[in-house]
PDB file of all heavy atoms in Angstrom:
ATOM      1  N   ILE A   1       0.856  -1.173   0.000  1.00  0.00           N
ATOM      2  CA  ILE A   1       0.000   0.000   0.000  1.00  0.00           C
ATOM      3  C   ILE A   1       0.897   1.230   0.000  1.00  0.00           C
ATOM      4  O   ILE A   1       1.758   1.364   0.856  1.00  0.00           O
ATOM      5  CB  ILE A   1      -0.898   0.016   1.250  1.00  0.00           C
ATOM      6  CG1 ILE A   1      -1.686  -1.290   1.340  1.00  0.00           C
ATOM      7  CG2 ILE A   1      -1.809   1.229   1.238  1.00  0.00           C
ATOM      8  CD1 ILE A   1      -2.310  -1.520   2.680  1.00  0.00           C
ATOM      9  N   THR A   2       0.700   2.112  -0.949  1.00  0.00           N
ATOM     10  CA  THR A   2       1.499   3.330  -1.028  1.00  0.00           C
ATOM     11  C   THR A   2       0.628   4.518  -0.635  1.00  0.00           C
ATOM     12  O   THR A   2      -0.400   4.765  -1.245  1.00  0.00           O
ATOM     13  CB  THR A   2       2.038   3.532  -2.458  1.00  0.00           C
ATOM     14  OG1 THR A   2       2.738   2.361  -2.859  1.00  0.00           O
ATOM     15  CG2 THR A   2       2.959   4.727  -2.519  1.00  0.00           C
ATOM     16  N   VAL A   3       1.076   5.227   0.402  1.00  0.00           N
ATOM     17  CA  VAL A   3       0.365   6.402   0.897  1.00  0.00           C
ATOM     18  C   VAL A   3       1.385   7.496   1.174  1.00  0.00           C
ATOM     19  O   VAL A   3       2.236   7.340   2.043  1.00  0.00           O
ATOM     20  CB  VAL A   3      -0.402   6.096   2.193  1.00  0.00           C
ATOM     21  CG1 VAL A   3      -1.139   7.320   2.696  1.00  0.00           C
ATOM     22  CG2 VAL A   3      -1.358   4.951   2.015  1.00  0.00           C
ATOM     23  N   LYS A   4       1.306   8.587   0.426  1.00  0.00           N
ATOM     24  CA  LYS A   4       2.150   9.756   0.687  1.00  0.00           C
ATOM     25  C   LYS A   4       3.617   9.388   0.906  1.00  0.00           C
ATOM     26  O   LYS A   4       4.176   9.601   1.979  1.00  0.00           O
ATOM     27  CB  LYS A   4       1.638  10.532   1.903  1.00  0.00           C
ATOM     28  CG  LYS A   4       0.313  11.182   1.700  1.00  0.00           C
ATOM     29  CD  LYS A   4      -0.045  11.988   2.925  1.00  0.00           C
ATOM     30  CE  LYS A   4      -1.381  12.651   2.760  1.00  0.00           C
ATOM     31  NZ  LYS A   4      -1.779  13.383   3.958  1.00  0.00           N
ATOM     32  N   GLU A   5       4.261   8.808  -0.073  1.00  0.00           N
ATOM     33  CA  GLU A   5       5.681   8.449  -0.017  1.00  0.00           C
ATOM     34  C   GLU A   5       6.007   7.382   1.033  1.00  0.00           C
ATOM     35  O   GLU A   5       7.163   7.171   1.361  1.00  0.00           O
ATOM     36  CB  GLU A   5       6.537   9.699   0.258  1.00  0.00           C
ATOM     37  CG  GLU A   5       6.340  10.829  -0.715  1.00  0.00           C
ATOM     38  CD  GLU A   5       6.806  10.464  -2.126  1.00  0.00           C
ATOM     39  OE1 GLU A   5       7.816   9.744  -2.247  1.00  0.00           O
ATOM     40  OE2 GLU A   5       6.153  10.886  -3.081  1.00  0.00           O
ATOM     41  N   ARG A   6       5.026   6.722   1.575  1.00  0.00           N
ATOM     42  CA  ARG A   6       5.238   5.672   2.570  1.00  0.00           C
ATOM     43  C   ARG A   6       4.630   4.379   2.040  1.00  0.00           C
ATOM     44  O   ARG A   6       3.542   4.392   1.476  1.00  0.00           O
ATOM     45  CB  ARG A   6       4.569   6.086   3.882  1.00  0.00           C
ATOM     46  CG  ARG A   6       4.552   5.045   4.945  1.00  0.00           C
ATOM     47  CD  ARG A   6       5.596   5.295   5.970  1.00  0.00           C
ATOM     48  NE  ARG A   6       5.712   4.086   6.777  1.00  0.00           N
ATOM     49  CZ  ARG A   6       5.825   4.102   8.062  1.00  0.00           C
ATOM     50  NH1 ARG A   6       5.836   5.225   8.696  1.00  0.00           N
ATOM     51  NH2 ARG A   6       5.951   2.981   8.722  1.00  0.00           N
ATOM     52  N   GLN A   7       5.345   3.277   2.211  1.00  0.00           N
ATOM     53  CA  GLN A   7       4.841   1.987   1.756  1.00  0.00           C
ATOM     54  C   GLN A   7       4.624   1.057   2.943  1.00  0.00           C
ATOM     55  O   GLN A   7       5.433   1.012   3.852  1.00  0.00           O
ATOM     56  CB  GLN A   7       5.816   1.332   0.789  1.00  0.00           C
ATOM     57  CG  GLN A   7       5.841   1.972  -0.562  1.00  0.00           C
ATOM     58  CD  GLN A   7       6.661   1.155  -1.550  1.00  0.00           C
ATOM     59  OE1 GLN A   7       7.378   0.245  -1.173  1.00  0.00           O
ATOM     60  NE2 GLN A   7       6.531   1.498  -2.809  1.00  0.00           N
ATOM     61  N   TYR A   8       3.530   0.331   2.896  1.00  0.00           N
ATOM     62  CA  TYR A   8       3.223  -0.684   3.889  1.00  0.00           C
ATOM     63  C   TYR A   8       3.182  -2.011   3.155  1.00  0.00           C
ATOM     64  O   TYR A   8       2.408  -2.188   2.225  1.00  0.00           O
ATOM     65  CB  TYR A   8       1.868  -0.414   4.550  1.00  0.00           C
ATOM     66  CG  TYR A   8       1.799   0.908   5.272  1.00  0.00           C
ATOM     67  CD1 TYR A   8       1.308   2.038   4.646  1.00  0.00           C
ATOM     68  CD2 TYR A   8       2.250   1.018   6.587  1.00  0.00           C
ATOM     69  CE1 TYR A   8       1.251   3.245   5.310  1.00  0.00           C
ATOM     70  CE2 TYR A   8       2.191   2.222   7.253  1.00  0.00           C
ATOM     71  CZ  TYR A   8       1.692   3.332   6.613  1.00  0.00           C
ATOM     72  OH  TYR A   8       1.643   4.524   7.273  1.00  0.00           O
ATOM     73  N   CYS A   9       4.016  -2.947   3.567  1.00  0.00           N
ATOM     74  CA  CYS A   9       4.071  -4.260   2.932  1.00  0.00           C
ATOM     75  C   CYS A   9       3.377  -5.267   3.842  1.00  0.00           C
ATOM     76  O   CYS A   9       3.708  -5.381   5.018  1.00  0.00           O
ATOM     77  CB  CYS A   9       5.512  -4.663   2.700  1.00  0.00           C
ATOM     78  SG  CYS A   9       5.684  -6.275   1.953  1.00  0.00           S
ATOM     79  N   LEU A  10       2.419  -5.981   3.297  1.00  0.00           N
ATOM     80  CA  LEU A  10       1.662  -6.968   4.059  1.00  0.00           C
ATOM     81  C   LEU A  10       1.731  -8.308   3.348  1.00  0.00           C
ATOM     82  O   LEU A  10       1.701  -8.371   2.116  1.00  0.00           O
ATOM     83  CB  LEU A  10       0.197  -6.549   4.176  1.00  0.00           C
ATOM     84  CG  LEU A  10      -0.102  -5.132   4.640  1.00  0.00           C
ATOM     85  CD1 LEU A  10      -1.594  -4.886   4.584  1.00  0.00           C
ATOM     86  CD2 LEU A  10       0.427  -4.900   6.025  1.00  0.00           C
ATOM     87  N   LEU A  11       1.816  -9.368   4.110  1.00  0.00           N
ATOM     88  CA  LEU A  11       1.775 -10.715   3.555  1.00  0.00           C
ATOM     89  C   LEU A  11       0.388 -11.287   3.798  1.00  0.00           C
ATOM     90  O   LEU A  11      -0.124 -11.228   4.913  1.00  0.00           O
ATOM     91  CB  LEU A  11       2.810 -11.614   4.230  1.00  0.00           C
ATOM     92  CG  LEU A  11       4.264 -11.204   4.104  1.00  0.00           C
ATOM     93  CD1 LEU A  11       5.143 -12.119   4.934  1.00  0.00           C
ATOM     94  CD2 LEU A  11       4.694 -11.239   2.660  1.00  0.00           C
ATOM     95  N   MET A  12      -0.206 -11.823   2.760  1.00  0.00           N
ATOM     96  CA  MET A  12      -1.509 -12.478   2.867  1.00  0.00           C
ATOM     97  C   MET A  12      -1.400 -13.860   2.250  1.00  0.00           C
ATOM     98  O   MET A  12      -0.533 -14.103   1.416  1.00  0.00           O
ATOM     99  CB  MET A  12      -2.574 -11.700   2.090  1.00  0.00           C
ATOM    100  CG  MET A  12      -2.905 -10.359   2.624  1.00  0.00           C
ATOM    101  SD  MET A  12      -4.191  -9.632   1.585  1.00  0.00           S
ATOM    102  CE  MET A  12      -4.698  -8.283   2.595  1.00  0.00           C
ATOM    103  N   GLY A  13      -2.284 -14.722   2.642  1.00  0.00           N
ATOM    104  CA  GLY A  13      -2.354 -16.020   1.987  1.00  0.00           C
ATOM    105  C   GLY A  13      -2.864 -15.848   0.562  1.00  0.00           C
ATOM    106  O   GLY A  13      -3.471 -14.834   0.217  1.00  0.00           O
ATOM    107  N   ARG A  14      -2.619 -16.832  -0.272  1.00  0.00           N
ATOM    108  CA  ARG A  14      -3.062 -16.730  -1.669  1.00  0.00           C
ATOM    109  C   ARG A  14      -4.580 -16.590  -1.781  1.00  0.00           C
ATOM    110  O   ARG A  14      -5.073 -15.795  -2.559  1.00  0.00           O
ATOM    111  CB  ARG A  14      -2.589 -17.938  -2.466  1.00  0.00           C
ATOM    112  CG  ARG A  14      -1.110 -17.937  -2.676  1.00  0.00           C
ATOM    113  CD  ARG A  14      -0.664 -19.142  -3.441  1.00  0.00           C
ATOM    114  NE  ARG A  14       0.793 -19.192  -3.391  1.00  0.00           N
ATOM    115  CZ  ARG A  14       1.531 -19.519  -4.409  1.00  0.00           C
ATOM    116  NH1 ARG A  14       0.979 -19.844  -5.545  1.00  0.00           N
ATOM    117  NH2 ARG A  14       2.829 -19.535  -4.296  1.00  0.00           N
ATOM    118  N   ARG A  15      -5.290 -17.365  -0.995  1.00  0.00           N
ATOM    119  CA  ARG A  15      -6.751 -17.272  -1.040  1.00  0.00           C
ATOM    120  C   ARG A  15      -7.240 -15.919  -0.530  1.00  0.00           C
ATOM    121  O   ARG A  15      -8.186 -15.349  -1.072  1.00  0.00           O
ATOM    122  CB  ARG A  15      -7.379 -18.376  -0.200  1.00  0.00           C
ATOM    123  CG  ARG A  15      -7.236 -19.731  -0.806  1.00  0.00           C
ATOM    124  CD  ARG A  15      -7.981 -20.761  -0.002  1.00  0.00           C
ATOM    125  NE  ARG A  15      -7.326 -22.036  -0.161  1.00  0.00           N
ATOM    126  CZ  ARG A  15      -7.312 -22.989   0.743  1.00  0.00           C
ATOM    127  NH1 ARG A  15      -7.941 -22.822   1.884  1.00  0.00           N
ATOM    128  NH2 ARG A  15      -6.690 -24.113   0.514  1.00  0.00           N
ATOM    129  N   THR A  16      -6.582 -15.408   0.497  1.00  0.00           N
ATOM    130  CA  THR A  16      -6.979 -14.116   1.047  1.00  0.00           C
ATOM    131  C   THR A  16      -6.729 -13.006   0.048  1.00  0.00           C
ATOM    132  O   THR A  16      -7.566 -12.117  -0.137  1.00  0.00           O
ATOM    133  CB  THR A  16      -6.215 -13.826   2.352  1.00  0.00           C
ATOM    134  OG1 THR A  16      -6.402 -14.910   3.248  1.00  0.00           O
ATOM    135  CG2 THR A  16      -6.696 -12.540   2.997  1.00  0.00           C
ATOM    136  N   SER A  17      -5.581 -13.038  -0.631  1.00  0.00           N
ATOM    137  CA  SER A  17      -5.299 -11.994  -1.626  1.00  0.00           C
ATOM    138  C   SER A  17      -6.242 -12.102  -2.825  1.00  0.00           C
ATOM    139  O   SER A  17      -6.677 -11.086  -3.370  1.00  0.00           O
ATOM    140  CB  SER A  17      -3.840 -12.041  -2.076  1.00  0.00           C
ATOM    141  OG  SER A  17      -3.560 -13.234  -2.745  1.00  0.00           O
ATOM    142  N   GLN A  18      -6.599 -13.322  -3.223  1.00  0.00           N
ATOM    143  CA  GLN A  18      -7.558 -13.490  -4.317  1.00  0.00           C
ATOM    144  C   GLN A  18      -8.937 -12.974  -3.904  1.00  0.00           C
ATOM    145  O   GLN A  18      -9.622 -12.317  -4.679  1.00  0.00           O
ATOM    146  CB  GLN A  18      -7.651 -14.962  -4.727  1.00  0.00           C
ATOM    147  CG  GLN A  18      -6.416 -15.486  -5.408  1.00  0.00           C
ATOM    148  CD  GLN A  18      -6.107 -14.731  -6.685  1.00  0.00           C
ATOM    149  OE1 GLN A  18      -7.001 -14.369  -7.439  1.00  0.00           O
ATOM    150  NE2 GLN A  18      -4.835 -14.481  -6.916  1.00  0.00           N
ATOM    151  N   ARG A  19      -9.324 -13.257  -2.669  1.00  0.00           N
ATOM    152  CA  ARG A  19     -10.601 -12.751  -2.165  1.00  0.00           C
ATOM    153  C   ARG A  19     -10.595 -11.227  -2.109  1.00  0.00           C
ATOM    154  O   ARG A  19     -11.571 -10.572  -2.449  1.00  0.00           O
ATOM    155  CB  ARG A  19     -10.872 -13.328  -0.782  1.00  0.00           C
ATOM    156  CG  ARG A  19     -12.308 -13.136  -0.333  1.00  0.00           C
ATOM    157  CD  ARG A  19     -12.497 -13.652   1.047  1.00  0.00           C
ATOM    158  NE  ARG A  19     -11.878 -12.649   1.911  1.00  0.00           N
ATOM    159  CZ  ARG A  19     -11.949 -12.645   3.227  1.00  0.00           C
ATOM    160  NH1 ARG A  19     -12.565 -13.583   3.853  1.00  0.00           N
ATOM    161  NH2 ARG A  19     -11.382 -11.698   3.935  1.00  0.00           N
ATOM    162  N   PHE A  20      -9.447 -10.654  -1.707  1.00  0.00           N
ATOM    163  CA  PHE A  20      -9.307  -9.197  -1.678  1.00  0.00           C
ATOM    164  C   PHE A  20      -9.526  -8.612  -3.073  1.00  0.00           C
ATOM    165  O   PHE A  20     -10.248  -7.634  -3.248  1.00  0.00           O
ATOM    166  CB  PHE A  20      -7.919  -8.819  -1.147  1.00  0.00           C
ATOM    167  CG  PHE A  20      -7.654  -7.345  -1.132  1.00  0.00           C
ATOM    168  CD1 PHE A  20      -8.089  -6.574  -0.072  1.00  0.00           C
ATOM    169  CD2 PHE A  20      -6.973  -6.727  -2.162  1.00  0.00           C
ATOM    170  CE1 PHE A  20      -7.854  -5.215  -0.042  1.00  0.00           C
ATOM    171  CE2 PHE A  20      -6.728  -5.376  -2.147  1.00  0.00           C
ATOM    172  CZ  PHE A  20      -7.174  -4.614  -1.078  1.00  0.00           C
ATOM    173  N   LEU A  21      -8.888  -9.232  -4.078  1.00  0.00           N
ATOM    174  CA  LEU A  21      -9.031  -8.735  -5.451  1.00  0.00           C
ATOM    175  C   LEU A  21     -10.471  -8.827  -5.945  1.00  0.00           C
ATOM    176  O   LEU A  21     -10.991  -7.896  -6.551  1.00  0.00           O
ATOM    177  CB  LEU A  21      -8.114  -9.514  -6.392  1.00  0.00           C
ATOM    178  CG  LEU A  21      -6.641  -9.179  -6.310  1.00  0.00           C
ATOM    179  CD1 LEU A  21      -5.836 -10.143  -7.156  1.00  0.00           C
ATOM    180  CD2 LEU A  21      -6.397  -7.754  -6.747  1.00  0.00           C
ATOM    181  N   VAL A  22     -11.126  -9.942  -5.676  1.00  0.00           N
ATOM    182  CA  VAL A  22     -12.499 -10.137  -6.141  1.00  0.00           C
ATOM    183  C   VAL A  22     -13.449  -9.161  -5.455  1.00  0.00           C
ATOM    184  O   VAL A  22     -14.291  -8.533  -6.111  1.00  0.00           O
ATOM    185  CB  VAL A  22     -12.950 -11.599  -5.903  1.00  0.00           C
ATOM    186  CG1 VAL A  22     -14.429 -11.766  -6.114  1.00  0.00           C
ATOM    187  CG2 VAL A  22     -12.159 -12.539  -6.799  1.00  0.00           C
ATOM    188  N   GLU A  23     -13.308  -9.013  -4.147  1.00  0.00           N
ATOM    189  CA  GLU A  23     -14.237  -8.165  -3.399  1.00  0.00           C
ATOM    190  C   GLU A  23     -14.007  -6.677  -3.631  1.00  0.00           C
ATOM    191  O   GLU A  23     -14.930  -5.881  -3.522  1.00  0.00           O
ATOM    192  CB  GLU A  23     -14.142  -8.480  -1.903  1.00  0.00           C
ATOM    193  CG  GLU A  23     -14.695  -9.851  -1.556  1.00  0.00           C
ATOM    194  CD  GLU A  23     -14.492 -10.222  -0.101  1.00  0.00           C
ATOM    195  OE1 GLU A  23     -13.770  -9.501   0.622  1.00  0.00           O
ATOM    196  OE2 GLU A  23     -15.052 -11.245   0.320  1.00  0.00           O
ATOM    197  N   GLN A  24     -12.774  -6.294  -3.944  1.00  0.00           N
ATOM    198  CA  GLN A  24     -12.486  -4.867  -4.100  1.00  0.00           C
ATOM    199  C   GLN A  24     -12.414  -4.425  -5.561  1.00  0.00           C
ATOM    200  O   GLN A  24     -12.105  -3.276  -5.848  1.00  0.00           O
ATOM    201  CB  GLN A  24     -11.166  -4.512  -3.394  1.00  0.00           C
ATOM    202  CG  GLN A  24     -11.158  -4.837  -1.929  1.00  0.00           C
ATOM    203  CD  GLN A  24     -12.368  -4.331  -1.183  1.00  0.00           C
ATOM    204  OE1 GLN A  24     -12.827  -3.223  -1.408  1.00  0.00           O
ATOM    205  NE2 GLN A  24     -12.912  -5.146  -0.290  1.00  0.00           N
ATOM    206  N   ALA A  25     -12.697  -5.301  -6.487  1.00  0.00           N
ATOM    207  CA  ALA A  25     -12.632  -4.951  -7.911  1.00  0.00           C
ATOM    208  C   ALA A  25     -13.627  -3.851  -8.284  1.00  0.00           C
ATOM    209  O   ALA A  25     -13.383  -3.079  -9.207  1.00  0.00           O
ATOM    210  CB  ALA A  25     -12.871  -6.188  -8.766  1.00  0.00           C
ATOM    211  N   ASN A  26     -14.732  -3.761  -7.582  1.00  0.00           N
ATOM    212  CA  ASN A  26     -15.756  -2.759  -7.895  1.00  0.00           C
ATOM    213  C   ASN A  26     -15.855  -1.649  -6.861  1.00  0.00           C
ATOM    214  O   ASN A  26     -16.807  -0.887  -6.870  1.00  0.00           O
ATOM    215  CB  ASN A  26     -17.123  -3.443  -8.043  1.00  0.00           C
ATOM    216  CG  ASN A  26     -17.134  -4.389  -9.213  1.00  0.00           C
ATOM    217  OD1 ASN A  26     -16.507  -4.127 -10.226  1.00  0.00           O
ATOM    218  ND2 ASN A  26     -17.828  -5.494  -9.063  1.00  0.00           N
ATOM    219  N   HIS A  27     -14.879  -1.572  -5.969  1.00  0.00           N
ATOM    220  CA  HIS A  27     -14.901  -0.513  -4.948  1.00  0.00           C
ATOM    221  C   HIS A  27     -14.687   0.834  -5.631  1.00  0.00           C
ATOM    222  O   HIS A  27     -13.763   0.996  -6.419  1.00  0.00           O
ATOM    223  CB  HIS A  27     -13.800  -0.760  -3.914  1.00  0.00           C
ATOM    224  CG  HIS A  27     -13.939   0.087  -2.690  1.00  0.00           C
ATOM    225  ND1 HIS A  27     -13.611   1.408  -2.664  1.00  0.00           N
ATOM    226  CD2 HIS A  27     -14.378  -0.236  -1.444  1.00  0.00           C
ATOM    227  CE1 HIS A  27     -13.829   1.883  -1.453  1.00  0.00           C
ATOM    228  NE2 HIS A  27     -14.297   0.897  -0.697  1.00  0.00           N
ATOM    229  N   PRO A  28     -15.540   1.817  -5.367  1.00  0.00           N
ATOM    230  CA  PRO A  28     -15.469   3.087  -6.101  1.00  0.00           C
ATOM    231  C   PRO A  28     -14.144   3.835  -5.949  1.00  0.00           C
ATOM    232  O   PRO A  28     -13.684   4.456  -6.903  1.00  0.00           O
ATOM    233  CB  PRO A  28     -16.624   3.915  -5.526  1.00  0.00           C
ATOM    234  CG  PRO A  28     -17.090   3.201  -4.322  1.00  0.00           C
ATOM    235  CD  PRO A  28     -16.616   1.804  -4.402  1.00  0.00           C
ATOM    236  N   LEU A  29     -13.491   3.749  -4.778  1.00  0.00           N
ATOM    237  CA  LEU A  29     -12.247   4.482  -4.580  1.00  0.00           C
ATOM    238  C   LEU A  29     -11.000   3.657  -4.871  1.00  0.00           C
ATOM    239  O   LEU A  29      -9.932   4.209  -5.080  1.00  0.00           O
ATOM    240  CB  LEU A  29     -12.172   5.011  -3.136  1.00  0.00           C
ATOM    241  CG  LEU A  29     -13.174   6.094  -2.775  1.00  0.00           C
ATOM    242  CD1 LEU A  29     -13.082   6.422  -1.295  1.00  0.00           C
ATOM    243  CD2 LEU A  29     -12.946   7.342  -3.602  1.00  0.00           C
ATOM    244  N   LEU A  30     -11.123   2.339  -4.903  1.00  0.00           N
ATOM    245  CA  LEU A  30      -9.946   1.496  -5.057  1.00  0.00           C
ATOM    246  C   LEU A  30      -9.790   0.851  -6.428  1.00  0.00           C
ATOM    247  O   LEU A  30      -8.703   0.431  -6.785  1.00  0.00           O
ATOM    248  CB  LEU A  30      -9.947   0.382  -3.999  1.00  0.00           C
ATOM    249  CG  LEU A  30      -9.700   0.805  -2.566  1.00  0.00           C
ATOM    250  CD1 LEU A  30      -9.731  -0.412  -1.661  1.00  0.00           C
ATOM    251  CD2 LEU A  30      -8.379   1.519  -2.438  1.00  0.00           C
ATOM    252  N   LYS A  31     -10.860   0.765  -7.206  1.00  0.00           N
ATOM    253  CA  LYS A  31     -10.784  -0.025  -8.441  1.00  0.00           C
ATOM    254  C   LYS A  31      -9.731   0.500  -9.415  1.00  0.00           C
ATOM    255  O   LYS A  31      -9.121  -0.278 -10.141  1.00  0.00           O
ATOM    256  CB  LYS A  31     -12.145  -0.130  -9.108  1.00  0.00           C
ATOM    257  CG  LYS A  31     -12.715   1.170  -9.602  1.00  0.00           C
ATOM    258  CD  LYS A  31     -14.073   0.929 -10.215  1.00  0.00           C
ATOM    259  CE  LYS A  31     -14.698   2.253 -10.620  1.00  0.00           C
ATOM    260  NZ  LYS A  31     -16.035   2.062 -11.149  1.00  0.00           N
ATOM    261  N   ASP A  32      -9.458   1.793  -9.421  1.00  0.00           N
ATOM    262  CA  ASP A  32      -8.445   2.351 -10.320  1.00  0.00           C
ATOM    263  C   ASP A  32      -7.046   2.304  -9.713  1.00  0.00           C
ATOM    264  O   ASP A  32      -6.061   2.492 -10.418  1.00  0.00           O
ATOM    265  CB  ASP A  32      -8.792   3.802 -10.664  1.00  0.00           C
ATOM    266  CG  ASP A  32     -10.095   3.901 -11.431  1.00  0.00           C
ATOM    267  OD1 ASP A  32     -10.422   2.930 -12.148  1.00  0.00           O
ATOM    268  OD2 ASP A  32     -10.781   4.932 -11.306  1.00  0.00           O
ATOM    269  N   LYS A  33      -6.942   2.033  -8.425  1.00  0.00           N
ATOM    270  CA  LYS A  33      -5.652   2.060  -7.736  1.00  0.00           C
ATOM    271  C   LYS A  33      -5.038   0.675  -7.570  1.00  0.00           C
ATOM    272  O   LYS A  33      -3.869   0.556  -7.240  1.00  0.00           O
ATOM    273  CB  LYS A  33      -5.811   2.712  -6.362  1.00  0.00           C
ATOM    274  CG  LYS A  33      -6.256   4.156  -6.445  1.00  0.00           C
ATOM    275  CD  LYS A  33      -6.485   4.738  -5.083  1.00  0.00           C
ATOM    276  CE  LYS A  33      -6.997   6.164  -5.207  1.00  0.00           C
ATOM    277  NZ  LYS A  33      -7.222   6.779  -3.901  1.00  0.00           N
ATOM    278  N   ILE A  34      -5.821  -0.373  -7.798  1.00  0.00           N
ATOM    279  CA  ILE A  34      -5.317  -1.733  -7.624  1.00  0.00           C
ATOM    280  C   ILE A  34      -4.532  -2.137  -8.857  1.00  0.00           C
ATOM    281  O   ILE A  34      -4.999  -2.028  -9.984  1.00  0.00           O
ATOM    282  CB  ILE A  34      -6.472  -2.725  -7.375  1.00  0.00           C
ATOM    283  CG1 ILE A  34      -7.138  -2.423  -6.037  1.00  0.00           C
ATOM    284  CG2 ILE A  34      -5.956  -4.156  -7.399  1.00  0.00           C
ATOM    285  CD1 ILE A  34      -8.326  -3.300  -5.724  1.00  0.00           C
ATOM    286  N   LYS A  35      -3.314  -2.622  -8.618  1.00  0.00           N
ATOM    287  CA  LYS A  35      -2.444  -3.068  -9.704  1.00  0.00           C
ATOM    288  C   LYS A  35      -2.008  -4.500  -9.390  1.00  0.00           C
ATOM    289  O   LYS A  35      -1.444  -4.769  -8.333  1.00  0.00           O
ATOM    290  CB  LYS A  35      -1.222  -2.151  -9.788  1.00  0.00           C
ATOM    291  CG  LYS A  35      -0.266  -2.521 -10.866  1.00  0.00           C
ATOM    292  CD  LYS A  35       0.917  -1.563 -10.876  1.00  0.00           C
ATOM    293  CE  LYS A  35       1.926  -1.976 -11.911  1.00  0.00           C
ATOM    294  NZ  LYS A  35       3.135  -1.155 -11.847  1.00  0.00           N
ATOM    295  N   ILE A  36      -2.278  -5.416 -10.297  1.00  0.00           N
ATOM    296  CA  ILE A  36      -1.912  -6.818 -10.121  1.00  0.00           C
ATOM    297  C   ILE A  36      -0.557  -7.026 -10.786  1.00  0.00           C
ATOM    298  O   ILE A  36      -0.373  -6.709 -11.968  1.00  0.00           O
ATOM    299  CB  ILE A  36      -2.963  -7.753 -10.736  1.00  0.00           C
ATOM    300  CG1 ILE A  36      -4.321  -7.492 -10.102  1.00  0.00           C
ATOM    301  CG2 ILE A  36      -2.554  -9.206 -10.555  1.00  0.00           C
ATOM    302  CD1 ILE A  36      -5.464  -8.181 -10.797  1.00  0.00           C
ATOM    303  N   ILE A  37       0.388  -7.559 -10.025  1.00  0.00           N
ATOM    304  CA  ILE A  37       1.724  -7.809 -10.568  1.00  0.00           C
ATOM    305  C   ILE A  37       2.135  -9.245 -10.262  1.00  0.00           C
ATOM    306  O   ILE A  37       1.604  -9.884  -9.356  1.00  0.00           O
ATOM    307  CB  ILE A  37       2.752  -6.808 -10.006  1.00  0.00           C
ATOM    308  CG1 ILE A  37       2.741  -6.810  -8.485  1.00  0.00           C
ATOM    309  CG2 ILE A  37       2.489  -5.408 -10.497  1.00  0.00           C
ATOM    310  CD1 ILE A  37       3.755  -5.892  -7.885  1.00  0.00           C
ATOM    311  N   ASN A  38       3.097  -9.752 -11.027  1.00  0.00           N
ATOM    312  CA  ASN A  38       3.547 -11.117 -10.851  1.00  0.00           C
ATOM    313  C   ASN A  38       4.514 -11.269  -9.691  1.00  0.00           C
ATOM    314  O   ASN A  38       4.454 -12.211  -8.924  1.00  0.00           O
ATOM    315  CB  ASN A  38       4.215 -11.641 -12.116  1.00  0.00           C
ATOM    316  CG  ASN A  38       3.212 -11.870 -13.216  1.00  0.00           C
ATOM    317  OD1 ASN A  38       2.060 -12.192 -12.956  1.00  0.00           O
ATOM    318  ND2 ASN A  38       3.615 -11.649 -14.455  1.00  0.00           N
ATOM    319  N   LYS A  39       5.442 -10.329  -9.559  1.00  0.00           N
ATOM    320  CA  LYS A  39       6.492 -10.443  -8.556  1.00  0.00           C
ATOM    321  C   LYS A  39       6.761  -9.072  -7.958  1.00  0.00           C
ATOM    322  O   LYS A  39       6.832  -8.091  -8.681  1.00  0.00           O
ATOM    323  CB  LYS A  39       7.750 -11.015  -9.191  1.00  0.00           C
ATOM    324  CG  LYS A  39       8.874 -11.229  -8.222  1.00  0.00           C
ATOM    325  CD  LYS A  39      10.082 -11.797  -8.949  1.00  0.00           C
ATOM    326  CE  LYS A  39      11.258 -11.898  -7.989  1.00  0.00           C
ATOM    327  NZ  LYS A  39      12.462 -12.311  -8.686  1.00  0.00           N
ATOM    328  N   ILE A  40       6.963  -9.033  -6.674  1.00  0.00           N
ATOM    329  CA  ILE A  40       7.309  -7.784  -6.011  1.00  0.00           C
ATOM    330  C   ILE A  40       8.771  -7.847  -5.612  1.00  0.00           C
ATOM    331  O   ILE A  40       9.200  -8.793  -4.958  1.00  0.00           O
ATOM    332  CB  ILE A  40       6.421  -7.538  -4.780  1.00  0.00           C
ATOM    333  CG1 ILE A  40       4.993  -7.276  -5.225  1.00  0.00           C
ATOM    334  CG2 ILE A  40       6.944  -6.375  -3.951  1.00  0.00           C
ATOM    335  CD1 ILE A  40       4.022  -7.034  -4.118  1.00  0.00           C
ATOM    336  N   ASP A  41       9.524  -6.857  -6.014  1.00  0.00           N
ATOM    337  CA  ASP A  41      10.912  -6.742  -5.614  1.00  0.00           C
ATOM    338  C   ASP A  41      10.982  -5.854  -4.379  1.00  0.00           C
ATOM    339  O   ASP A  41      10.462  -4.730  -4.384  1.00  0.00           O
ATOM    340  CB  ASP A  41      11.761  -6.128  -6.725  1.00  0.00           C
ATOM    341  CG  ASP A  41      11.827  -7.049  -7.933  1.00  0.00           C
ATOM    342  OD1 ASP A  41      11.869  -8.267  -7.747  1.00  0.00           O
ATOM    343  OD2 ASP A  41      11.831  -6.524  -9.067  1.00  0.00           O
ATOM    344  N   PHE A  42      11.628  -6.351  -3.333  1.00  0.00           N
ATOM    345  CA  PHE A  42      11.764  -5.558  -2.118  1.00  0.00           C
ATOM    346  C   PHE A  42      13.013  -4.717  -2.251  1.00  0.00           C
ATOM    347  O   PHE A  42      14.129  -5.221  -2.270  1.00  0.00           O
ATOM    348  CB  PHE A  42      11.852  -6.458  -0.893  1.00  0.00           C
ATOM    349  CG  PHE A  42      10.597  -7.205  -0.636  1.00  0.00           C
ATOM    350  CD1 PHE A  42      10.466  -8.543  -0.982  1.00  0.00           C
ATOM    351  CD2 PHE A  42       9.523  -6.568  -0.038  1.00  0.00           C
ATOM    352  CE1 PHE A  42       9.296  -9.209  -0.753  1.00  0.00           C
ATOM    353  CE2 PHE A  42       8.349  -7.247   0.200  1.00  0.00           C
ATOM    354  CZ  PHE A  42       8.237  -8.570  -0.151  1.00  0.00           C
ATOM    355  N   LEU A  43      12.821  -3.429  -2.365  1.00  0.00           N
ATOM    356  CA  LEU A  43      13.938  -2.503  -2.516  1.00  0.00           C
ATOM    357  C   LEU A  43      14.252  -1.874  -1.170  1.00  0.00           C
ATOM    358  O   LEU A  43      13.365  -1.493  -0.421  1.00  0.00           O
ATOM    359  CB  LEU A  43      13.595  -1.404  -3.521  1.00  0.00           C
ATOM    360  CG  LEU A  43      13.247  -1.893  -4.940  1.00  0.00           C
ATOM    361  CD1 LEU A  43      12.815  -0.708  -5.783  1.00  0.00           C
ATOM    362  CD2 LEU A  43      14.439  -2.587  -5.545  1.00  0.00           C
ATOM    363  N   VAL A  44      15.529  -1.772  -0.875  1.00  0.00           N
ATOM    364  CA  VAL A  44      15.955  -1.143   0.368  1.00  0.00           C
ATOM    365  C   VAL A  44      16.167   0.332   0.091  1.00  0.00           C
ATOM    366  O   VAL A  44      16.923   0.717  -0.799  1.00  0.00           O
ATOM    367  CB  VAL A  44      17.258  -1.784   0.881  1.00  0.00           C
ATOM    368  CG1 VAL A  44      17.721  -1.101   2.151  1.00  0.00           C
ATOM    369  CG2 VAL A  44      17.068  -3.272   1.107  1.00  0.00           C
TER     370      VAL A  44
END
């Protein structure tokens, strides 16, 4: 989650993240902000 130059990294189970995507796909404030990616690189 990126908020004002700050990032919050959360680990979820695969089913939980899939449920998150399905349930929030039509959320009026989030649908344009959700980006599905294959791999996340953790940058220091």
